[in-house]
Protein backbone atom coordinates (compact mmCIF):
# COMPACT_ATOMS: atom_id res chain seq x y z
CA MET A 1 0.00 0.00 0.00
CA GLU A 2 1.36 3.40 -1.01
CA SER A 3 1.66 5.91 1.84
CA LYS A 4 0.49 9.45 1.21
CA ARG A 5 2.97 12.20 2.06
CA MET A 6 1.71 14.43 4.84
CA THR A 7 1.04 17.99 3.73
CA TYR A 8 2.55 20.96 5.54
CA GLU A 9 -0.91 22.00 6.70
CA ASP A 10 -1.65 18.51 8.07
CA ALA A 11 1.68 18.40 9.89
CA MET A 12 1.12 21.84 11.43
CA SER A 13 -2.41 20.91 12.49
CA GLU A 14 -1.14 17.73 14.16
CA LEU A 15 1.67 19.68 15.81
CA GLU A 16 -0.83 22.21 17.20
CA HIS A 17 -2.97 19.34 18.51
CA ILE A 18 0.04 17.78 20.22
CA THR A 19 1.00 21.12 21.75
CA ARG A 20 -2.48 21.48 23.26
CA ARG A 21 -2.37 17.92 24.61
CA LEU A 22 1.03 18.47 26.21
CA THR A 23 -0.48 21.15 28.45
CA ASP A 24 -2.63 18.49 30.13
CA GLU A 25 -0.87 18.02 33.46
CA SER A 26 -2.74 14.81 34.23
CA MET A 27 -1.14 12.97 31.30
CA PRO A 28 1.34 10.23 32.28
CA LEU A 29 4.98 11.19 31.78
CA ASP A 30 5.72 8.38 29.32
CA GLU A 31 2.83 9.53 27.11
CA MET A 32 4.07 13.13 27.33
CA VAL A 33 7.53 12.06 26.20
CA GLU A 34 6.09 10.12 23.26
CA LEU A 35 4.00 13.11 22.23
CA TYR A 36 7.01 15.40 22.59
CA GLU A 37 9.06 13.12 20.34
CA LYS A 38 6.28 13.01 17.76
CA GLY A 39 5.97 16.80 17.95
CA MET A 40 9.69 17.25 17.39
CA SER A 41 9.52 14.91 14.40
CA LEU A 42 6.62 16.93 12.96
CA ALA A 43 8.46 20.20 13.60
CA ARG A 44 11.50 18.83 11.72
CA LEU A 45 9.21 17.71 8.87
CA CYS A 46 7.66 21.19 8.66
CA LYS A 47 11.11 22.82 8.66
CA ASP A 48 12.31 20.49 5.90
CA MET A 49 9.19 21.18 3.84
CA LEU A 50 9.63 24.95 4.19
CA GLU A 51 13.26 24.67 3.11
CA GLU A 52 12.21 22.59 0.10
CA TYR A 53 9.54 25.13 -0.86
CA GLU A 54 12.00 27.98 -0.41
CA GLY A 55 14.46 26.26 -2.76
CA ARG A 56 11.74 25.71 -5.35
CA ILE A 57 10.70 29.38 -5.16
CA GLU A 58 14.32 30.55 -5.47
CA LYS A 59 14.83 28.27 -8.47
CA ALA A 60 11.65 29.49 -10.16
CA SER A 61 12.61 33.11 -9.48
CA ALA A 62 16.10 32.58 -10.89
CA THR A 63 14.65 30.92 -13.99
CA MET A 64 12.25 33.81 -14.47
CA THR A 65 15.09 36.33 -14.11
CA GLU A 66 17.22 34.42 -16.63
CA ASP A 67 14.31 34.18 -19.08
CA THR A 68 13.55 37.86 -18.72
CA GLU A 69 17.19 38.88 -19.22
CA ALA A 70 17.53 36.63 -22.27
CA CYS A 71 14.44 38.01 -23.99
CA PRO A 72 14.94 41.46 -25.55
CA CYS A 73 11.19 41.76 -26.08
CA VAL A 74 10.55 42.15 -22.35
CA GLU A 75 10.62 45.71 -21.12
CA ARG A 76 12.70 46.10 -18.01
CA VAL A 77 11.33 48.23 -15.23
């Protein structure tokens, strides 16, 4: 079975849910640690996704700049 990649929005939503649950002082310590570990994993996933998106945006911007500079028909502002 093929696993679906979690979206940034799904990861952030889950991370927010975990953060709210961690404020429950009646939760057993072992469960808190497990949630903390899962939260850290989700935070790392979100960071990695943002870095990937940033790279894609930079690449697209660079391509657009190159295309614009190579085309004499485009008026520069």
